[in-house]
């Protein structure tokens, strides 16, 4: 079994270690600027609490991977999504309501909103297009029936990693380099010449497992375990050839996840089933064991 030198950026710990700490903010800024339009380039970012609560206890709170804002007020939600989930687009839209709502000032509000961007790095294919030339990067904003921009302050950017298949000699842009870095980081045993520049050398330094503190290494190993469990559950579901429909298929995935001891909330996020539905399945499993 190969002893990896660098961490897996598709784990919760790995993604936040690379992009979600004060010491790695320069990496996040460089990465975001490859995705943002020229007039929205950022030079300074401040992290915002990633755990956001709704107005009432009955509503579901949101926990972002990374939540930050620029000095001029733009809000950025940066997510790493490891597996396909039901109602993914609905979830993405729901998440953007929090930074929009949080801009309301006490007292009179003039409704002049700052732009909100949701950027999702997807370790799966969510595109519904049948085109042979699938887009790695998909940008979405509100437009009217004529294709004219109706509102330019709400943006969605989806990066589908499975569609990126360039090798080292094919990299043309900084965006290409970032995707090459992320997709292959865990398997590198040295820094490739094409990535031998300050921002990526910094990324390799942060991602080097030998540089993690003992507590961080424990957290990373736990994150790896959860990641592999999730991948195994998904692969098992595929091999079983789930054909009963999305709902029934997700029930089977949830059952497999429960048997592996995955937390209820994580299973709900993975499958799109409600926490109550997962808890009901868990109770049925426990009854069977008795």
Protein backbone atom coordinates (compact mmCIF):
# COMPACT_ATOMS: atom_id res chain seq x y z
CA UNK A 1 0.00 0.00 0.00
CA UNK A 2 1.38 3.38 -0.99
CA UNK A 3 2.41 5.77 1.77
CA UNK A 4 1.06 9.12 0.70
CA UNK A 5 3.15 12.24 1.17
CA UNK A 6 0.33 14.76 0.72
CA UNK A 7 -3.21 14.89 2.04
CA UNK A 8 -6.42 14.24 0.13
CA UNK A 9 -8.06 17.62 -0.63
CA UNK A 10 -11.47 16.00 -1.13
CA UNK A 11 -11.76 15.16 2.57
CA UNK A 12 -13.37 17.66 4.93
CA UNK A 13 -10.11 18.16 6.80
CA UNK A 14 -7.97 18.37 3.67
CA UNK A 15 -10.16 20.95 1.92
CA UNK A 16 -10.35 23.22 4.95
CA UNK A 17 -6.64 22.84 5.68
CA UNK A 18 -5.79 23.98 2.14
CA UNK A 19 -8.29 26.80 1.83
CA UNK A 20 -10.04 27.50 5.13
CA UNK A 21 -7.33 28.71 7.52
CA UNK A 22 -5.75 32.13 8.02
CA UNK A 23 -2.37 30.69 7.06
CA UNK A 24 -3.68 29.43 3.72
CA UNK A 25 -5.81 32.42 2.77
CA UNK A 26 -3.40 33.32 -0.05
CA UNK A 27 -4.21 29.99 -1.71
CA UNK A 28 -7.94 30.62 -1.46
CA UNK A 29 -7.61 34.09 -2.99
CA UNK A 30 -5.51 32.80 -5.89
CA UNK A 31 -7.93 29.94 -6.52
CA UNK A 32 -11.03 32.13 -6.38
CA UNK A 33 -9.55 34.64 -8.79
CA UNK A 34 -9.32 31.90 -11.42
CA UNK A 35 -13.09 31.42 -11.13
CA UNK A 36 -14.29 35.01 -10.75
CA UNK A 37 -14.81 37.53 -13.57
CA UNK A 38 -12.20 40.24 -14.08
CA UNK A 39 -14.30 42.92 -12.34
CA UNK A 40 -14.72 40.75 -9.21
CA UNK A 41 -11.08 39.84 -8.52
CA UNK A 42 -10.29 39.87 -4.78
CA UNK A 43 -7.11 40.84 -2.96
CA UNK A 44 -8.24 40.51 0.66
CA UNK A 45 -10.67 38.11 2.33
CA UNK A 46 -12.04 37.76 5.85
CA UNK A 47 -13.45 34.47 7.09
CA UNK A 48 -17.03 34.47 8.38
CA UNK A 49 -18.46 31.93 10.82
CA UNK A 50 -19.34 28.91 8.61
CA UNK A 51 -22.22 27.90 10.90
CA UNK A 52 -25.27 30.06 10.20
CA UNK A 53 -28.54 29.82 12.08
CA UNK A 54 -32.00 30.62 10.66
CA UNK A 55 -34.54 32.93 12.24
CA UNK A 56 -36.45 30.17 14.02
CA UNK A 57 -35.57 26.86 15.66
CA UNK A 58 -37.88 25.02 13.27
CA UNK A 59 -35.78 25.97 10.23
CA UNK A 60 -32.65 24.10 9.17
CA UNK A 61 -29.30 25.79 9.83
CA UNK A 62 -26.52 25.85 7.25
CA UNK A 63 -22.94 24.78 7.80
CA UNK A 64 -20.62 25.90 5.01
CA UNK A 65 -17.18 24.46 4.30
CA UNK A 66 -15.82 27.98 3.86
CA UNK A 67 -17.66 31.30 4.21
CA UNK A 68 -15.78 34.53 3.57
CA UNK A 69 -16.20 38.07 2.33
CA UNK A 70 -14.03 40.57 0.49
CA UNK A 71 -13.09 44.03 1.72
CA UNK A 72 -15.73 45.49 -0.60
CA UNK A 73 -18.48 43.27 0.81
CA UNK A 74 -18.89 40.38 -1.67
CA UNK A 75 -19.78 37.12 0.04
CA UNK A 76 -18.29 33.78 -1.01
CA UNK A 77 -19.47 30.32 -0.03
CA UNK A 78 -16.93 27.70 -1.08
CA UNK A 79 -18.03 24.06 -0.89
CA UNK A 80 -16.42 20.72 -1.60
CA UNK A 81 -19.17 18.25 -2.49
CA UNK A 82 -17.91 14.66 -2.48
CA UNK A 83 -20.97 12.77 -3.65
CA UNK A 84 -24.12 13.30 -5.70
CA UNK A 85 -27.12 14.12 -3.57
CA UNK A 86 -30.81 14.53 -4.31
CA UNK A 87 -31.95 18.17 -4.62
CA UNK A 88 -28.38 19.41 -4.91
CA UNK A 89 -29.43 22.54 -6.81
CA UNK A 90 -32.08 23.29 -4.19
CA UNK A 91 -29.46 22.99 -1.47
CA UNK A 92 -27.12 25.34 -3.33
CA UNK A 93 -29.87 27.94 -3.69
CA UNK A 94 -30.90 27.54 -0.05
CA UNK A 95 -27.34 28.19 1.09
CA UNK A 96 -27.20 31.53 -0.74
CA UNK A 97 -30.22 32.82 1.19
CA UNK A 98 -28.16 33.09 4.38
CA UNK A 99 -25.52 35.61 3.22
CA UNK A 100 -28.30 37.53 1.45
CA UNK A 101 -30.43 37.73 4.58
CA UNK A 102 -27.45 38.57 6.79
CA UNK A 103 -26.93 41.80 4.86
CA UNK A 104 -30.13 43.25 6.34
CA UNK A 105 -29.38 46.10 8.74
CA UNK A 106 -31.36 46.77 11.87
CA UNK A 107 -33.92 49.49 11.32
CA UNK A 108 -34.47 50.81 7.81
CA UNK A 109 -32.86 48.76 5.03
CA UNK A 110 -32.22 50.14 1.56
CA UNK A 111 -32.03 46.67 -0.09
CA UNK A 112 -28.73 47.45 -1.80
CA UNK A 113 -27.22 43.96 -1.66
CA UNK A 114 -23.60 43.02 -2.10
CA UNK A 115 -22.88 40.17 -4.57
CA UNK A 116 -23.09 36.59 -3.33
CA UNK A 117 -21.13 33.77 -4.95
CA UNK A 118 -21.53 30.06 -4.29
CA UNK A 119 -18.57 28.07 -5.60
CA UNK A 120 -18.87 24.29 -5.48
CA UNK A 121 -16.05 21.89 -6.28
CA UNK A 122 -17.80 18.66 -7.22
CA UNK A 123 -16.17 15.23 -7.06
CA UNK A 124 -18.98 13.87 -9.25
CA UNK A 125 -20.85 14.71 -12.46
CA UNK A 126 -24.03 16.67 -11.96
CA UNK A 127 -24.42 18.01 -15.50
CA UNK A 128 -27.67 17.01 -17.19
CA UNK A 129 -26.36 17.81 -20.65
CA UNK A 130 -26.01 14.98 -23.16
CA UNK A 131 -23.29 16.85 -25.03
CA UNK A 132 -20.03 15.01 -25.63
CA UNK A 133 -18.16 18.17 -24.62
CA UNK A 134 -19.11 18.49 -20.98
CA UNK A 135 -18.18 21.75 -19.25
CA UNK A 136 -15.71 21.49 -16.39
CA UNK A 137 -16.80 24.89 -15.12
CA UNK A 138 -20.43 25.98 -15.18
CA UNK A 139 -21.42 29.57 -14.34
CA UNK A 140 -25.02 30.41 -13.53
CA UNK A 141 -26.83 33.70 -12.96
CA UNK A 142 -30.38 35.04 -13.35
CA UNK A 143 -31.34 35.90 -16.94
CA UNK A 144 -34.58 36.78 -18.71
CA UNK A 145 -36.19 34.96 -21.66
CA UNK A 146 -34.01 36.89 -24.10
CA UNK A 147 -30.83 35.78 -22.39
CA UNK A 148 -30.16 39.20 -20.90
CA UNK A 149 -28.78 39.39 -17.37
CA UNK A 150 -31.65 40.19 -15.01
CA UNK A 151 -29.59 40.29 -11.81
CA UNK A 152 -25.81 40.23 -11.59
CA UNK A 153 -25.32 39.91 -7.84
CA UNK A 154 -26.16 36.23 -7.38
CA UNK A 155 -23.74 33.77 -8.95
CA UNK A 156 -23.25 30.02 -8.89
CA UNK A 157 -20.04 28.40 -10.08
CA UNK A 158 -19.84 24.61 -10.31
CA UNK A 159 -16.57 22.83 -11.07
CA UNK A 160 -17.03 19.18 -12.08
CA UNK A 161 -13.72 17.50 -11.33
CA UNK A 162 -14.47 14.21 -13.17
CA UNK A 163 -14.49 16.11 -16.48
CA UNK A 164 -10.94 17.38 -15.96
CA UNK A 165 -8.54 14.93 -17.59
CA UNK A 166 -5.56 17.03 -18.70
CA UNK A 167 -2.05 15.78 -18.05
CA UNK A 168 0.97 17.91 -17.13
CA UNK A 169 1.89 18.76 -20.71
CA UNK A 170 -1.65 19.94 -21.54
CA UNK A 171 -2.01 22.58 -18.82
CA UNK A 172 -2.57 26.01 -20.36
CA UNK A 173 -3.99 28.30 -17.67
CA UNK A 174 -3.68 28.89 -13.94
CA UNK A 175 -7.15 27.37 -13.61
CA UNK A 176 -5.87 24.20 -15.32
CA UNK A 177 -2.98 24.09 -12.87
CA UNK A 178 -5.27 24.38 -9.88
CA UNK A 179 -7.47 21.52 -11.05
CA UNK A 180 -4.41 19.41 -11.83
CA UNK A 181 -3.08 20.19 -8.35
CA UNK A 182 -6.34 19.27 -6.59
CA UNK A 183 -7.09 16.15 -8.62
CA UNK A 184 -3.63 14.62 -8.22
CA UNK A 185 -2.36 16.05 -4.93
CA UNK A 186 -2.80 12.89 -2.86
CA UNK A 187 -0.82 10.82 -5.39
CA UNK A 188 2.12 13.17 -6.00
CA UNK A 189 5.49 12.02 -4.67
CA UNK A 190 7.23 15.24 -5.72
CA UNK A 191 6.37 18.73 -6.94
CA UNK A 192 5.88 18.65 -10.75
CA UNK A 193 7.86 21.22 -12.70
CA UNK A 194 4.67 22.82 -14.04
CA UNK A 195 3.57 23.56 -10.45
CA UNK A 196 6.95 24.85 -9.32
CA UNK A 197 5.72 28.36 -8.53
CA UNK A 198 5.16 30.11 -5.18
CA UNK A 199 1.43 29.57 -4.72
CA UNK A 200 1.57 25.83 -5.42
CA UNK A 201 4.80 25.31 -3.50
CA UNK A 202 2.96 26.88 -0.56
CA UNK A 203 0.06 24.49 -1.18
CA UNK A 204 2.38 21.48 -1.16
CA UNK A 205 3.93 22.68 2.09
CA UNK A 206 0.52 22.97 3.78
CA UNK A 207 -0.63 19.61 2.36
CA UNK A 208 2.49 17.68 3.40
CA UNK A 209 1.36 15.10 5.95
CA UNK A 210 4.70 15.27 7.75
CA UNK A 211 3.97 18.92 8.60
CA UNK A 212 0.71 18.16 10.40
CA UNK A 213 0.63 18.30 14.17
CA UNK A 214 -0.30 15.04 15.96
CA UNK A 215 -3.83 16.26 16.67
CA UNK A 216 -4.26 17.36 13.07
CA UNK A 217 -3.04 13.99 11.82
CA UNK A 218 -5.66 12.24 13.97
CA UNK A 219 -8.35 14.52 12.56
CA UNK A 220 -7.13 13.89 9.03
CA UNK A 221 -7.12 10.10 9.49
CA UNK A 222 -10.69 10.27 10.79
CA UNK A 223 -11.64 12.43 7.81
CA UNK A 224 -10.05 9.90 5.45
CA UNK A 225 -12.00 7.09 7.08
CA UNK A 226 -15.30 8.95 6.56
CA UNK A 227 -14.36 9.75 2.96
CA UNK A 228 -13.50 6.12 2.15
CA UNK A 229 -16.65 4.87 3.87
CA UNK A 230 -18.73 7.23 1.77
CA UNK A 231 -16.99 6.18 -1.44
CA UNK A 232 -17.49 2.50 -0.56
CA UNK A 233 -21.18 3.07 0.12
CA UNK A 234 -21.64 4.82 -3.21
CA UNK A 235 -19.70 2.14 -5.09
CA UNK A 236 -21.72 -0.62 -3.40
CA UNK A 237 -24.94 1.10 -4.43
CA UNK A 238 -23.73 1.26 -8.04
CA UNK A 239 -22.72 -2.40 -8.11
CA UNK A 240 -26.08 -3.48 -6.75
CA UNK A 241 -27.65 -1.76 -9.76
CA UNK A 242 -30.23 0.27 -7.93
CA UNK A 243 -33.12 0.64 -10.38
CA UNK A 244 -36.07 1.20 -8.09
CA UNK A 245 -35.91 4.97 -8.40
CA UNK A 246 -34.06 7.75 -6.66
CA UNK A 247 -35.97 7.58 -3.38
CA UNK A 248 -35.69 3.82 -3.03
CA UNK A 249 -32.05 3.91 -4.07
CA UNK A 250 -31.21 6.51 -1.46
CA UNK A 251 -32.93 4.38 1.18
CA UNK A 252 -30.55 1.52 0.34
CA UNK A 253 -27.57 3.86 0.48
CA UNK A 254 -28.78 5.14 3.87
CA UNK A 255 -29.14 1.60 5.23
CA UNK A 256 -25.60 0.73 4.15
CA UNK A 257 -24.33 3.93 5.75
CA UNK A 258 -26.12 3.18 9.02
CA UNK A 259 -24.61 -0.31 9.11
CA UNK A 260 -21.18 1.28 8.76
CA UNK A 261 -21.89 3.63 11.66
CA UNK A 262 -22.00 6.90 9.72
CA UNK A 263 -23.67 9.77 11.65
CA UNK A 264 -27.33 10.45 10.86
CA UNK A 265 -26.78 14.07 9.75
CA UNK A 266 -24.03 13.06 7.33
CA UNK A 267 -26.25 10.36 5.83
CA UNK A 268 -29.03 12.92 5.41
CA UNK A 269 -26.65 15.26 3.59
CA UNK A 270 -25.43 12.41 1.37
CA UNK A 271 -28.83 11.00 0.42
CA UNK A 272 -31.20 13.96 0.55
CA UNK A 273 -33.44 12.04 2.98
CA UNK A 274 -34.60 13.87 6.10
CA UNK A 275 -33.04 13.29 9.51
CA UNK A 276 -36.38 11.87 10.67
CA UNK A 277 -36.38 9.34 7.81
CA UNK A 278 -32.82 8.27 8.63
CA UNK A 279 -33.67 7.90 12.32
CA UNK A 280 -36.70 5.77 11.41
CA UNK A 281 -34.47 3.48 9.31
CA UNK A 282 -31.99 3.28 12.18
CA UNK A 283 -34.76 2.26 14.60
CA UNK A 284 -35.93 -0.47 12.20
CA UNK A 285 -32.37 -1.82 11.95
CA UNK A 286 -32.10 -1.91 15.74
CA UNK A 287 -35.42 -3.78 15.99
CA UNK A 288 -34.16 -6.39 13.52
CA UNK A 289 -31.01 -6.94 15.62
CA UNK A 290 -33.04 -7.57 18.79
